[in-house]
Structures are given as structure tokens and as C-alpha cells.
PDB file of N, CA and C in Angstrom:
ATOM      1  N   MET A   1     108.707 119.742 138.742  1.00  0.00           N
ATOM      2  CA  MET A   1     109.771 120.068 137.884  1.00  0.00           C
ATOM      3  C   MET A   1     110.311 118.786 137.419  1.00  0.00           C
ATOM      4  N   GLU A   2     110.723 118.686 136.071  1.00  0.00           N
ATOM      5  CA  GLU A   2     111.341 117.743 135.306  1.00  0.00           C
ATOM      6  C   GLU A   2     112.598 117.426 135.947  1.00  0.00           C
ATOM      7  N   PRO A   3     112.964 116.224 135.938  1.00  0.00           N
ATOM      8  CA  PRO A   3     114.487 116.025 136.451  1.00  0.00           C
ATOM      9  C   PRO A   3     115.494 116.688 135.531  1.00  0.00           C
ATOM     10  N   ASN A   4     115.365 116.509 134.327  1.00  0.00           N
ATOM     11  CA  ASN A   4     116.418 116.973 133.404  1.00  0.00           C
ATOM     12  C   ASN A   4     116.674 118.480 133.788  1.00  0.00           C
ATOM     13  N   THR A   5     115.489 119.227 134.088  1.00  0.00           N
ATOM     14  CA  THR A   5     115.580 120.782 134.387  1.00  0.00           C
ATOM     15  C   THR A   5     116.314 121.008 135.614  1.00  0.00           C
ATOM     16  N   TRP A   6     116.083 120.380 136.617  1.00  0.00           N
ATOM     17  CA  TRP A   6     116.720 120.665 137.941  1.00  0.00           C
ATOM     18  C   TRP A   6     118.044 120.060 137.901  1.00  0.00           C
ATOM     19  N   LEU A   7     118.530 119.029 136.910  1.00  0.00           N
ATOM     20  CA  LEU A   7     119.764 118.669 136.747  1.00  0.00           C
ATOM     21  C   LEU A   7     120.511 119.808 135.968  1.00  0.00           C
ATOM     22  N   TRP A   8     120.114 120.399 135.155  1.00  0.00           N
ATOM     23  CA  TRP A   8     120.666 121.423 134.474  1.00  0.00           C
ATOM     24  C   TRP A   8     120.955 122.535 135.313  1.00  0.00           C
ATOM     25  N   ILE A   9     120.006 123.004 136.188  1.00  0.00           N
ATOM     26  CA  ILE A   9     120.064 124.072 137.256  1.00  0.00           C
ATOM     27  C   ILE A   9     121.255 123.678 138.229  1.00  0.00           C
ATOM     28  N   LEU A  10     121.310 122.407 138.650  1.00  0.00           N
ATOM     29  CA  LEU A  10     122.445 122.071 139.448  1.00  0.00           C
ATOM     30  C   LEU A  10     123.842 121.946 138.847  1.00  0.00           C
ATOM     31  N   ALA A  11     123.723 121.768 137.434  1.00  0.00           N
ATOM     32  CA  ALA A  11     125.063 121.747 136.777  1.00  0.00           C
ATOM     33  C   ALA A  11     125.602 123.170 136.777  1.00  0.00           C
ATOM     34  N   GLY A  12     124.541 123.994 136.509  1.00  0.00           N
ATOM     35  CA  GLY A  12     125.027 125.372 136.135  1.00  0.00           C
ATOM     36  C   GLY A  12     125.588 126.004 137.573  1.00  0.00           C
ATOM     37  N   PHE A  13     124.683 125.787 138.623  1.00  0.00           N
ATOM     38  CA  PHE A  13     124.981 126.042 139.962  1.00  0.00           C
ATOM     39  C   PHE A  13     126.392 125.658 140.354  1.00  0.00           C
ATOM     40  N   LEU A  14     126.766 124.419 140.167  1.00  0.00           N
ATOM     41  CA  LEU A  14     128.014 123.867 140.550  1.00  0.00           C
ATOM     42  C   LEU A  14     129.364 124.569 139.544  1.00  0.00           C
ATOM     43  N   ALA A  15     129.008 124.825 138.325  1.00  0.00           N
ATOM     44  CA  ALA A  15     129.634 125.338 137.340  1.00  0.00           C
ATOM     45  C   ALA A  15     130.160 126.650 137.734  1.00  0.00           C
ATOM     46  N   ALA A  16     129.215 127.586 138.296  1.00  0.00           N
ATOM     47  CA  ALA A  16     129.298 129.010 138.768  1.00  0.00           C
ATOM     48  C   ALA A  16     130.386 128.927 139.922  1.00  0.00           C
ATOM     49  N   ILE A  17     130.089 128.022 140.875  1.00  0.00           N
ATOM     50  CA  ILE A  17     130.755 127.837 141.875  1.00  0.00           C
ATOM     51  C   ILE A  17     132.219 127.560 141.717  1.00  0.00           C
ATOM     52  N   PHE A  18     132.469 126.726 140.757  1.00  0.00           N
ATOM     53  CA  PHE A  18     133.804 126.004 140.486  1.00  0.00           C
ATOM     54  C   PHE A  18     134.481 127.169 139.512  1.00  0.00           C
ATOM     55  N   VAL A  19     133.752 127.853 138.652  1.00  0.00           N
ATOM     56  CA  VAL A  19     134.547 128.925 137.827  1.00  0.00           C
ATOM     57  C   VAL A  19     135.047 130.060 139.029  1.00  0.00           C
ATOM     58  N   GLY A  20     133.990 130.538 139.901  1.00  0.00           N
ATOM     59  CA  GLY A  20     134.420 131.527 140.672  1.00  0.00           C
ATOM     60  C   GLY A  20     135.598 131.253 141.645  1.00  0.00           C
ATOM     61  N   THR A  21     135.643 129.826 142.191  1.00  0.00           N
ATOM     62  CA  THR A  21     136.563 129.571 143.212  1.00  0.00           C
ATOM     63  C   THR A  21     137.930 129.279 142.276  1.00  0.00           C
ATOM     64  N   GLY A  22     137.810 128.642 141.003  1.00  0.00           N
ATOM     65  CA  GLY A  22     138.996 128.511 140.441  1.00  0.00           C
ATOM     66  C   GLY A  22     139.806 129.656 140.061  1.00  0.00           C
ATOM     67  N   LEU A  23     138.942 130.748 139.524  1.00  0.00           N
ATOM     68  CA  LEU A  23     139.537 132.061 138.860  1.00  0.00           C
ATOM     69  C   LEU A  23     139.987 132.598 140.098  1.00  0.00           C
ATOM     70  N   LEU A  24     139.506 132.498 141.282  1.00  0.00           N
ATOM     71  CA  LEU A  24     140.253 133.256 142.388  1.00  0.00           C
ATOM     72  C   LEU A  24     141.495 132.605 142.658  1.00  0.00           C
ATOM     73  N   LYS A  25     141.555 131.156 142.700  1.00  0.00           N
ATOM     74  CA  LYS A  25     142.961 130.707 143.117  1.00  0.00           C
ATOM     75  C   LYS A  25     143.836 130.774 141.765  1.00  0.00           C
ATOM     76  N   LEU A  26     143.548 131.239 140.597  1.00  0.00           N
ATOM     77  CA  LEU A  26     144.173 131.406 139.632  1.00  0.00           C
ATOM     78  C   LEU A  26     144.898 132.862 139.933  1.00  0.00           C
ATOM     79  N   THR A  27     144.249 133.781 140.213  1.00  0.00           N
ATOM     80  CA  THR A  27     144.482 135.225 140.140  1.00  0.00           C
ATOM     81  C   THR A  27     145.030 135.819 141.266  1.00  0.00           C
ATOM     82  N   THR A  28     144.834 135.228 142.351  1.00  0.00           N
ATOM     83  CA  THR A  28     145.150 135.665 143.679  1.00  0.00           C
ATOM     84  C   THR A  28     146.405 135.057 144.409  1.00  0.00           C
ATOM     85  N   PRO A  29     147.395 135.828 144.665  1.00  0.00           N
ATOM     86  CA  PRO A  29     148.686 135.307 145.270  1.00  0.00           C
ATOM     87  C   PRO A  29     148.360 134.594 146.838  1.00  0.00           C
ATOM     88  N   ARG A  30     149.187 133.514 147.056  1.00  0.00           N
ATOM     89  CA  ARG A  30     148.874 132.608 147.889  1.00  0.00           C
ATOM     90  C   ARG A  30     149.003 133.576 149.207  1.00  0.00           C
ATOM     91  N   ASP A  31     149.703 134.305 149.557  1.00  0.00           N
ATOM     92  CA  ASP A  31     149.794 135.170 150.715  1.00  0.00           C
ATOM     93  C   ASP A  31     148.390 135.950 150.818  1.00  0.00           C
ATOM     94  N   ARG A  32     147.887 136.476 149.803  1.00  0.00           N
ATOM     95  CA  ARG A  32     146.513 137.330 149.931  1.00  0.00           C
ATOM     96  C   ARG A  32     145.280 136.393 150.280  1.00  0.00           C
ATOM     97  N   LEU A  33     145.493 135.153 149.758  1.00  0.00           N
ATOM     98  CA  LEU A  33     144.461 134.005 150.038  1.00  0.00           C
ATOM     99  C   LEU A  33     144.648 133.764 151.643  1.00  0.00           C
ATOM    100  N   VAL A  34     145.700 133.657 151.977  1.00  0.00           N
ATOM    101  CA  VAL A  34     145.899 133.077 153.684  1.00  0.00           C
ATOM    102  C   VAL A  34     145.417 134.542 154.175  1.00  0.00           C
ATOM    103  N   ALA A  35     145.711 135.636 154.103  1.00  0.00           N
ATOM    104  CA  ALA A  35     145.456 136.900 154.679  1.00  0.00           C
ATOM    105  C   ALA A  35     144.026 136.998 154.538  1.00  0.00           C
ATOM    106  N   SER A  36     143.152 136.721 153.630  1.00  0.00           N
ATOM    107  CA  SER A  36     141.722 136.764 153.371  1.00  0.00           C
ATOM    108  C   SER A  36     140.968 135.629 154.515  1.00  0.00           C
ATOM    109  N   GLY A  37     141.803 134.914 154.946  1.00  0.00           N
ATOM    110  CA  GLY A  37     140.934 133.962 155.804  1.00  0.00           C
ATOM    111  C   GLY A  37     141.138 132.509 155.484  1.00  0.00           C
ATOM    112  N   MET A  38     141.862 132.311 154.304  1.00  0.00           N
ATOM    113  CA  MET A  38     142.114 130.859 153.690  1.00  0.00           C
ATOM    114  C   MET A  38     143.142 130.149 154.165  1.00  0.00           C
ATOM    115  N   GLY A  39     143.240 129.927 155.579  1.00  0.00           N
ATOM    116  CA  GLY A  39     144.292 129.408 156.055  1.00  0.00           C
ATOM    117  C   GLY A  39     144.824 128.051 155.646  1.00  0.00           C
ATOM    118  N   TRP A  40     143.992 127.298 154.882  1.00  0.00           N
ATOM    119  CA  TRP A  40     144.509 126.104 153.981  1.00  0.00           C
ATOM    120  C   TRP A  40     145.509 126.264 153.065  1.00  0.00           C
ATOM    121  N   ALA A  41     145.525 127.597 152.441  1.00  0.00           N
ATOM    122  CA  ALA A  41     146.502 127.909 151.471  1.00  0.00           C
ATOM    123  C   ALA A  41     147.897 127.850 151.873  1.00  0.00           C
ATOM    124  N   ARG A  42     148.124 128.096 153.337  1.00  0.00           N
ATOM    125  CA  ARG A  42     149.323 127.899 153.894  1.00  0.00           C
ATOM    126  C   ARG A  42     150.260 126.685 153.570  1.00  0.00           C
ATOM    127  N   GLU A  43     149.498 125.535 153.498  1.00  0.00           N
ATOM    128  CA  GLU A  43     149.861 124.092 153.383  1.00  0.00           C
ATOM    129  C   GLU A  43     150.140 123.647 151.960  1.00  0.00           C
ATOM    130  N   PHE A  44     150.097 124.774 150.748  1.00  0.00           N
ATOM    131  CA  PHE A  44     150.160 124.541 149.612  1.00  0.00           C
ATOM    132  C   PHE A  44     150.982 125.582 148.781  1.00  0.00           C
ATOM    133  N   SER A  45     151.759 125.202 147.709  1.00  0.00           N
ATOM    134  CA  SER A  45     152.537 126.034 147.174  1.00  0.00           C
ATOM    135  C   SER A  45     151.755 126.815 146.321  1.00  0.00           C
ATOM    136  N   GLN A  46     152.064 128.027 145.794  1.00  0.00           N
ATOM    137  CA  GLN A  46     151.396 128.862 144.713  1.00  0.00           C
ATOM    138  C   GLN A  46     151.114 127.822 143.581  1.00  0.00           C
ATOM    139  N   GLU A  47     152.026 127.183 143.017  1.00  0.00           N
ATOM    140  CA  GLU A  47     151.924 126.399 142.042  1.00  0.00           C
ATOM    141  C   GLU A  47     150.842 125.235 142.081  1.00  0.00           C
ATOM    142  N   GLN A  48     150.859 124.796 143.360  1.00  0.00           N
ATOM    143  CA  GLN A  48     149.649 123.827 143.736  1.00  0.00           C
ATOM    144  C   GLN A  48     148.356 124.531 143.742  1.00  0.00           C
ATOM    145  N   ILE A  49     148.245 125.558 144.292  1.00  0.00           N
ATOM    146  CA  ILE A  49     147.006 126.390 144.383  1.00  0.00           C
ATOM    147  C   ILE A  49     146.473 126.703 143.010  1.00  0.00           C
ATOM    148  N   ARG A  50     147.270 127.067 142.137  1.00  0.00           N
ATOM    149  CA  ARG A  50     147.073 127.417 140.664  1.00  0.00           C
ATOM    150  C   ARG A  50     146.413 126.053 139.836  1.00  0.00           C
ATOM    151  N   LEU A  51     147.234 124.965 140.229  1.00  0.00           N
ATOM    152  CA  LEU A  51     146.817 123.651 139.520  1.00  0.00           C
ATOM    153  C   LEU A  51     145.278 123.192 140.078  1.00  0.00           C
ATOM    154  N   ILE A  52     145.113 123.620 141.318  1.00  0.00           N
ATOM    155  CA  ILE A  52     143.601 123.372 141.742  1.00  0.00           C
ATOM    156  C   ILE A  52     142.723 124.219 141.190  1.00  0.00           C
ATOM    157  N   GLY A  53     143.194 125.565 140.893  1.00  0.00           N
ATOM    158  CA  GLY A  53     142.281 126.431 140.274  1.00  0.00           C
ATOM    159  C   GLY A  53     142.055 126.163 138.763  1.00  0.00           C
ATOM    160  N   ILE A  54     142.974 125.577 138.194  1.00  0.00           N
ATOM    161  CA  ILE A  54     142.937 125.141 136.764  1.00  0.00           C
ATOM    162  C   ILE A  54     141.956 124.067 136.813  1.00  0.00           C
ATOM    163  N   ALA A  55     142.227 123.008 137.625  1.00  0.00           N
ATOM    164  CA  ALA A  55     141.286 121.706 137.719  1.00  0.00           C
ATOM    165  C   ALA A  55     139.698 122.155 137.916  1.00  0.00           C
ATOM    166  N   GLU A  56     139.590 123.155 138.712  1.00  0.00           N
ATOM    167  CA  GLU A  56     137.972 123.540 138.997  1.00  0.00           C
ATOM    168  C   GLU A  56     137.589 124.141 137.995  1.00  0.00           C
ATOM    169  N   VAL A  57     138.177 125.093 137.100  1.00  0.00           N
ATOM    170  CA  VAL A  57     137.922 125.872 135.814  1.00  0.00           C
ATOM    171  C   VAL A  57     137.553 124.774 134.928  1.00  0.00           C
ATOM    172  N   LEU A  58     138.407 123.858 134.796  1.00  0.00           N
ATOM    173  CA  LEU A  58     138.231 122.966 133.518  1.00  0.00           C
ATOM    174  C   LEU A  58     137.159 122.028 133.975  1.00  0.00           C
ATOM    175  N   GLY A  59     136.960 121.533 135.382  1.00  0.00           N
ATOM    176  CA  GLY A  59     135.749 121.016 135.857  1.00  0.00           C
ATOM    177  C   GLY A  59     134.490 121.377 135.375  1.00  0.00           C
ATOM    178  N   ALA A  60     134.465 123.030 135.712  1.00  0.00           N
ATOM    179  CA  ALA A  60     133.171 123.512 135.522  1.00  0.00           C
ATOM    180  C   ALA A  60     132.841 123.667 133.870  1.00  0.00           C
ATOM    181  N   ILE A  61     133.947 123.679 133.174  1.00  0.00           N
ATOM    182  CA  ILE A  61     133.574 123.730 131.996  1.00  0.00           C
ATOM    183  C   ILE A  61     132.903 122.318 131.420  1.00  0.00           C
ATOM    184  N   GLY A  62     133.497 121.437 131.930  1.00  0.00           N
ATOM    185  CA  GLY A  62     133.158 120.021 131.623  1.00  0.00           C
ATOM    186  C   GLY A  62     131.802 119.727 131.855  1.00  0.00           C
ATOM    187  N   LEU A  63     131.284 120.521 132.953  1.00  0.00           N
ATOM    188  CA  LEU A  63     129.844 120.182 133.431  1.00  0.00           C
ATOM    189  C   LEU A  63     128.791 120.705 132.585  1.00  0.00           C
ATOM    190  N   VAL A  64     129.135 121.834 131.859  1.00  0.00           N
ATOM    191  CA  VAL A  64     127.965 122.159 131.081  1.00  0.00           C
ATOM    192  C   VAL A  64     128.205 122.222 129.563  1.00  0.00           C
ATOM    193  N   VAL A  65     129.401 122.504 129.034  1.00  0.00           N
ATOM    194  CA  VAL A  65     129.888 122.697 127.552  1.00  0.00           C
ATOM    195  C   VAL A  65     129.638 121.466 126.740  1.00  0.00           C
ATOM    196  N   PRO A  66     130.093 120.378 127.237  1.00  0.00           N
ATOM    197  CA  PRO A  66     129.991 119.253 126.309  1.00  0.00           C
ATOM    198  C   PRO A  66     128.584 118.795 126.013  1.00  0.00           C
ATOM    199  N   PRO A  67     127.712 118.724 127.050  1.00  0.00           N
ATOM    200  CA  PRO A  67     126.375 118.494 126.730  1.00  0.00           C
ATOM    201  C   PRO A  67     125.475 119.502 126.035  1.00  0.00           C
ATOM    202  N   LEU A  68     125.942 120.754 126.105  1.00  0.00           N
ATOM    203  CA  LEU A  68     125.315 121.897 125.292  1.00  0.00           C
ATOM    204  C   LEU A  68     125.638 121.635 124.069  1.00  0.00           C
ATOM    205  N   LEU A  69     126.928 121.552 123.689  1.00  0.00           N
ATOM    206  CA  LEU A  69     127.278 121.265 122.425  1.00  0.00           C
ATOM    207  C   LEU A  69     127.020 119.880 121.665  1.00  0.00           C
ATOM    208  N   GLY A  70     126.424 119.065 122.525  1.00  0.00           N
ATOM    209  CA  GLY A  70     126.363 117.662 122.077  1.00  0.00           C
ATOM    210  C   GLY A  70     127.529 116.899 121.779  1.00  0.00           C
ATOM    211  N   ILE A  71     128.621 117.426 122.282  1.00  0.00           N
ATOM    212  CA  ILE A  71     129.974 116.540 122.116  1.00  0.00           C
ATOM    213  C   ILE A  71     130.272 115.819 123.193  1.00  0.00           C
ATOM    214  N   VAL A  72     130.194 114.494 123.075  1.00  0.00           N
ATOM    215  CA  VAL A  72     130.551 113.576 124.417  1.00  0.00           C
ATOM    216  C   VAL A  72     129.972 114.071 125.827  1.00  0.00           C
ATOM    217  N   PRO A  73     128.596 114.077 125.748  1.00  0.00           N
ATOM    218  CA  PRO A  73     127.998 114.191 127.100  1.00  0.00           C
ATOM    219  C   PRO A  73     128.404 113.617 128.284  1.00  0.00           C
ATOM    220  N   LEU A  74     129.039 112.286 128.120  1.00  0.00           N
ATOM    221  CA  LEU A  74     129.476 111.633 129.126  1.00  0.00           C
ATOM    222  C   LEU A  74     130.413 112.402 129.853  1.00  0.00           C
ATOM    223  N   LEU A  75     131.143 113.521 129.250  1.00  0.00           N
ATOM    224  CA  LEU A  75     132.393 114.156 129.908  1.00  0.00           C
ATOM    225  C   LEU A  75     131.579 114.994 131.332  1.00  0.00           C
ATOM    226  N   SER A  76     130.153 115.163 131.252  1.00  0.00           N
ATOM    227  CA  SER A  76     129.536 115.884 132.215  1.00  0.00           C
ATOM    228  C   SER A  76     129.750 115.081 133.602  1.00  0.00           C
ATOM    229  N   PRO A  77     129.116 113.872 133.595  1.00  0.00           N
ATOM    230  CA  PRO A  77     129.020 113.066 134.874  1.00  0.00           C
ATOM    231  C   PRO A  77     130.642 112.768 135.107  1.00  0.00           C
ATOM    232  N   VAL A  78     131.513 112.637 134.210  1.00  0.00           N
ATOM    233  CA  VAL A  78     132.792 112.344 134.734  1.00  0.00           C
ATOM    234  C   VAL A  78     133.428 113.539 135.292  1.00  0.00           C
ATOM    235  N   ALA A  79     133.172 114.778 134.687  1.00  0.00           N
ATOM    236  CA  ALA A  79     133.735 115.937 135.370  1.00  0.00           C
ATOM    237  C   ALA A  79     133.119 116.258 136.927  1.00  0.00           C
ATOM    238  N   ALA A  80     131.711 115.729 136.939  1.00  0.00           N
ATOM    239  CA  ALA A  80     131.034 115.909 138.307  1.00  0.00           C
ATOM    240  C   ALA A  80     131.867 114.914 139.311  1.00  0.00           C
ATOM    241  N   SER A  81     132.286 113.833 138.674  1.00  0.00           N
ATOM    242  CA  SER A  81     132.929 112.864 139.628  1.00  0.00           C
ATOM    243  C   SER A  81     134.324 113.444 140.031  1.00  0.00           C
ATOM    244  N   CYS A  82     134.912 114.078 139.137  1.00  0.00           N
ATOM    245  CA  CYS A  82     136.244 114.438 139.539  1.00  0.00           C
ATOM    246  C   CYS A  82     136.258 115.610 140.415  1.00  0.00           C
ATOM    247  N   LEU A  83     135.314 116.457 140.187  1.00  0.00           N
ATOM    248  CA  LEU A  83     135.157 117.680 141.148  1.00  0.00           C
ATOM    249  C   LEU A  83     134.648 117.010 142.564  1.00  0.00           C
ATOM    250  N   ALA A  84     133.801 115.969 142.443  1.00  0.00           N
ATOM    251  CA  ALA A  84     133.674 115.564 143.921  1.00  0.00           C
ATOM    252  C   ALA A  84     134.767 114.892 144.534  1.00  0.00           C
ATOM    253  N   LEU A  85     135.713 114.361 143.896  1.00  0.00           N
ATOM    254  CA  LEU A  85     136.967 113.723 144.334  1.00  0.00           C
ATOM    255  C   LEU A  85     137.881 114.935 144.856  1.00  0.00           C
ATOM    256  N   GLY A  86     137.920 115.813 144.150  1.00  0.00           N
ATOM    257  CA  GLY A  86     138.701 117.177 144.518  1.00  0.00           C
ATOM    258  C   GLY A  86     138.097 117.615 145.917  1.00  0.00           C
ATOM    259  N   MET A  87     136.809 117.710 145.940  1.00  0.00           N
ATOM    260  CA  MET A  87     136.225 118.481 147.353  1.00  0.00           C
ATOM    261  C   MET A  87     136.192 117.430 148.362  1.00  0.00           C
ATOM    262  N   ALA A  88     136.223 116.186 148.031  1.00  0.00           N
ATOM    263  CA  ALA A  88     136.499 115.182 149.156  1.00  0.00           C
ATOM    264  C   ALA A  88     137.871 115.476 149.743  1.00  0.00           C
ATOM    265  N   GLY A  89     138.839 115.801 148.881  1.00  0.00           N
ATOM    266  CA  GLY A  89     140.206 116.246 149.518  1.00  0.00           C
ATOM    267  C   GLY A  89     140.168 117.485 150.281  1.00  0.00           C
ATOM    268  N   ALA A  90     139.482 118.233 149.745  1.00  0.00           N
ATOM    269  CA  ALA A  90     139.258 119.806 150.376  1.00  0.00           C
ATOM    270  C   ALA A  90     138.762 119.493 151.809  1.00  0.00           C
ATOM    271  N   THR A  91     137.524 118.524 151.803  1.00  0.00           N
ATOM    272  CA  THR A  91     137.085 118.488 153.068  1.00  0.00           C
ATOM    273  C   THR A  91     138.050 117.736 154.071  1.00  0.00           C
ATOM    274  N   ALA A  92     138.704 116.824 153.543  1.00  0.00           N
ATOM    275  CA  ALA A  92     139.654 116.322 154.356  1.00  0.00           C
ATOM    276  C   ALA A  92     140.783 117.107 155.054  1.00  0.00           C
ATOM    277  N   VAL A  93     140.975 118.210 153.977  1.00  0.00           N
ATOM    278  CA  VAL A  93     142.024 119.298 154.711  1.00  0.00           C
ATOM    279  C   VAL A  93     141.484 120.126 155.727  1.00  0.00           C
ATOM    280  N   HIS A  94     140.305 120.535 155.456  1.00  0.00           N
ATOM    281  CA  HIS A  94     139.614 121.255 156.282  1.00  0.00           C
ATOM    282  C   HIS A  94     139.315 120.600 157.806  1.00  0.00           C
ATOM    283  N   ILE A  95     138.983 119.308 157.743  1.00  0.00           N
ATOM    284  CA  ILE A  95     138.980 118.602 158.975  1.00  0.00           C
ATOM    285  C   ILE A  95     140.145 118.220 159.698  1.00  0.00           C
ATOM    286  N   ARG A  96     141.254 117.844 159.012  1.00  0.00           N
ATOM    287  CA  ARG A  96     142.563 117.867 159.602  1.00  0.00           C
ATOM    288  C   ARG A  96     142.889 119.025 160.138  1.00  0.00           C
ATOM    289  N   ARG A  97     142.613 120.220 159.578  1.00  0.00           N
ATOM    290  CA  ARG A  97     142.733 121.640 160.165  1.00  0.00           C
ATOM    291  C   ARG A  97     141.859 122.069 161.320  1.00  0.00           C
ATOM    292  N   ARG A  98     140.913 121.194 161.378  1.00  0.00           N
ATOM    293  CA  ARG A  98     139.750 121.533 162.491  1.00  0.00           C
ATOM    294  C   ARG A  98     139.055 122.700 162.086  1.00  0.00           C
ATOM    295  N   GLU A  99     138.780 122.785 160.808  1.00  0.00           N
ATOM    296  CA  GLU A  99     137.827 123.834 160.364  1.00  0.00           C
ATOM    297  C   GLU A  99     136.618 123.137 159.844  1.00  0.00           C
ATOM    298  N   PHE A 100     135.801 122.900 160.959  1.00  0.00           N
ATOM    299  CA  PHE A 100     134.655 122.321 160.778  1.00  0.00           C
ATOM    300  C   PHE A 100     133.454 123.028 160.144  1.00  0.00           C
ATOM    301  N   LEU A 101     133.211 124.180 160.910  1.00  0.00           N
ATOM    302  CA  LEU A 101     132.102 124.998 160.345  1.00  0.00           C
ATOM    303  C   LEU A 101     132.762 126.387 159.876  1.00  0.00           C
ATOM    304  N   PRO A 102     132.620 126.852 158.944  1.00  0.00           N
ATOM    305  CA  PRO A 102     131.517 126.408 157.910  1.00  0.00           C
ATOM    306  C   PRO A 102     132.520 125.540 156.716  1.00  0.00           C
ATOM    307  N   ASP A 103     133.721 125.523 156.870  1.00  0.00           N
ATOM    308  CA  ASP A 103     134.544 125.280 155.693  1.00  0.00           C
ATOM    309  C   ASP A 103     134.377 123.557 155.224  1.00  0.00           C
ATOM    310  N   ALA A 104     134.404 122.805 156.260  1.00  0.00           N
ATOM    311  CA  ALA A 104     134.309 121.329 156.056  1.00  0.00           C
ATOM    312  C   ALA A 104     132.888 120.968 155.610  1.00  0.00           C
ATOM    313  N   LEU A 105     131.912 121.611 156.368  1.00  0.00           N
ATOM    314  CA  LEU A 105     130.648 121.369 156.093  1.00  0.00           C
ATOM    315  C   LEU A 105     130.325 121.735 154.674  1.00  0.00           C
ATOM    316  N   ARG A 106     130.722 123.004 154.143  1.00  0.00           N
ATOM    317  CA  ARG A 106     130.606 123.673 152.784  1.00  0.00           C
ATOM    318  C   ARG A 106     131.206 122.772 151.661  1.00  0.00           C
ATOM    319  N   SER A 107     132.305 122.122 151.930  1.00  0.00           N
ATOM    320  CA  SER A 107     133.129 121.308 151.187  1.00  0.00           C
ATOM    321  C   SER A 107     132.222 119.987 150.978  1.00  0.00           C
ATOM    322  N   LEU A 108     131.768 119.534 152.179  1.00  0.00           N
ATOM    323  CA  LEU A 108     130.940 118.273 152.021  1.00  0.00           C
ATOM    324  C   LEU A 108     129.739 118.339 151.282  1.00  0.00           C
ATOM    325  N   ALA A 109     129.157 119.649 151.567  1.00  0.00           N
ATOM    326  CA  ALA A 109     127.771 119.721 150.610  1.00  0.00           C
ATOM    327  C   ALA A 109     128.040 119.647 149.272  1.00  0.00           C
ATOM    328  N   VAL A 110     129.242 120.318 148.694  1.00  0.00           N
ATOM    329  CA  VAL A 110     129.563 120.440 147.500  1.00  0.00           C
ATOM    330  C   VAL A 110     129.991 119.048 146.767  1.00  0.00           C
ATOM    331  N   VAL A 111     130.678 118.267 147.563  1.00  0.00           N
ATOM    332  CA  VAL A 111     130.807 116.742 147.248  1.00  0.00           C
ATOM    333  C   VAL A 111     129.355 116.131 146.956  1.00  0.00           C
ATOM    334  N   VAL A 112     128.390 116.160 148.077  1.00  0.00           N
ATOM    335  CA  VAL A 112     127.242 115.648 147.792  1.00  0.00           C
ATOM    336  C   VAL A 112     126.460 116.145 146.514  1.00  0.00           C
ATOM    337  N   LEU A 113     126.454 117.427 146.251  1.00  0.00           N
ATOM    338  CA  LEU A 113     126.079 118.010 145.153  1.00  0.00           C
ATOM    339  C   LEU A 113     126.598 117.313 143.762  1.00  0.00           C
ATOM    340  N   CYS A 114     127.812 117.199 143.833  1.00  0.00           N
ATOM    341  CA  CYS A 114     128.645 116.678 142.574  1.00  0.00           C
ATOM    342  C   CYS A 114     128.165 115.149 142.562  1.00  0.00           C
ATOM    343  N   VAL A 115     127.859 114.467 143.520  1.00  0.00           N
ATOM    344  CA  VAL A 115     127.870 113.150 143.458  1.00  0.00           C
ATOM    345  C   VAL A 115     126.503 112.802 142.988  1.00  0.00           C
ATOM    346  N   VAL A 116     125.436 113.633 143.334  1.00  0.00           N
ATOM    347  CA  VAL A 116     124.253 113.617 142.871  1.00  0.00           C
ATOM    348  C   VAL A 116     123.863 113.682 141.349  1.00  0.00           C
ATOM    349  N   LEU A 117     124.739 114.837 140.998  1.00  0.00           N
ATOM    350  CA  LEU A 117     124.740 115.145 139.620  1.00  0.00           C
ATOM    351  C   LEU A 117     125.234 113.964 138.795  1.00  0.00           C
ATOM    352  N   ALA A 118     126.437 113.563 139.417  1.00  0.00           N
ATOM    353  CA  ALA A 118     127.100 112.415 138.463  1.00  0.00           C
ATOM    354  C   ALA A 118     126.240 111.211 138.460  1.00  0.00           C
ATOM    355  N   ALA A 119     125.716 110.972 139.591  1.00  0.00           N
ATOM    356  CA  ALA A 119     124.875 109.509 139.660  1.00  0.00           C
ATOM    357  C   ALA A 119     123.497 109.752 138.780  1.00  0.00           C
ATOM    358  N   TYR A 120     122.879 110.797 138.665  1.00  0.00           N
ATOM    359  CA  TYR A 120     121.694 110.978 137.865  1.00  0.00           C
ATOM    360  C   TYR A 120     122.220 110.933 136.352  1.00  0.00           C
ATOM    361  N   ARG A 121     123.286 111.630 135.985  1.00  0.00           N
ATOM    362  CA  ARG A 121     123.782 111.689 134.646  1.00  0.00           C
ATOM    363  C   ARG A 121     124.413 110.267 134.006  1.00  0.00           C
ATOM    364  N   PHE A 122     125.065 109.772 135.153  1.00  0.00           N
ATOM    365  CA  PHE A 122     125.374 108.229 134.651  1.00  0.00           C
ATOM    366  C   PHE A 122     124.288 107.260 134.405  1.00  0.00           C
ATOM    367  N   GLY A 123     123.398 107.447 135.318  1.00  0.00           N
ATOM    368  CA  GLY A 123     122.218 106.663 135.408  1.00  0.00           C
ATOM    369  C   GLY A 123     121.010 106.908 134.619  1.00  0.00           C
ATOM    370  N   PRO A 124     119.895 107.316 135.550  1.00  0.00           N
ATOM    371  CA  PRO A 124     118.520 107.304 135.027  1.00  0.00           C
ATOM    372  C   PRO A 124     118.308 108.702 134.131  1.00  0.00           C
ATOM    373  N   GLN A 125     119.015 109.567 134.025  1.00  0.00           N
ATOM    374  CA  GLN A 125     118.718 110.983 133.406  1.00  0.00           C
ATOM    375  C   GLN A 125     120.118 111.414 132.508  1.00  0.00           C
ATOM    376  N   PRO A 126     120.609 110.483 131.896  1.00  0.00           N
ATOM    377  CA  PRO A 126     121.770 110.919 130.656  1.00  0.00           C
ATOM    378  C   PRO A 126     121.356 111.892 129.892  1.00  0.00           C
ATOM    379  N   PHE A 127     122.071 112.442 129.301  1.00  0.00           N
ATOM    380  CA  PHE A 127     121.715 113.352 128.163  1.00  0.00           C
ATOM    381  C   PHE A 127     121.353 112.787 126.937  1.00  0.00           C
TER     382      PHE A 127
END
């Protein structure tokens, strides 16, 4: 498979993840998030959770829309880098809360995927 193809698949996969989780944070009250097993939400206000959701949705858009439209394709690896930083923070929160499996591991895996996408799009496979 050509590198550009799998990078587009990776970007689409990450965008789907971040749109889903971002919309969940934007539309679900904090108490319902906590009740559904997202204990980390106890440590954040409703406004902070919504800001995280907005950042995730905007990051997801930044992964795919600029290169699709041919406008500032550099935004895609920048978005991937920003999402990696956000997920590194999420990983730290899960580790601090001793939520190693699956929460911290899942967050760390998303960090790695975002870093791979950013590294390839900044480097050998730009748009």
C-alpha cells in the first residue's frame, strides 16, 4: 500500500475517534460521564470538559479538511501534533488516577498514532 493511502486512512480513523469523543464531551453532562465510567470527569468542570470536546472536534476537522480542500495542508500535521499533546495530558491524568488498563494504554496508543501521522506529514509524505 502506498504511504499516502495509509496516512489518509490513519487521518480518517483519528478524525472519527476525535469527532466521536469530542461530541460526547460536548453533549453529555459531566455527571452522566462520571456515571458511565469516566471517572476522570470528576476532576474537571463542565466548562473544561466542553473545551476539551471543542478542541477534539476542531482537531479532527484539522486532520482532514484542509488537505482535502487544498488549503494550508500544513494544518493537518499541526492538528495531529496538538491532538497528540492533548492525549499525552489525558494519558497523564489516567496514570495519576491509576487507570492503567485500558484507559492509559488506549490514550497512549492514540498519542503514538497522532505522532506517526504528524511525523510523516511534516517529513517524507507531505501533501
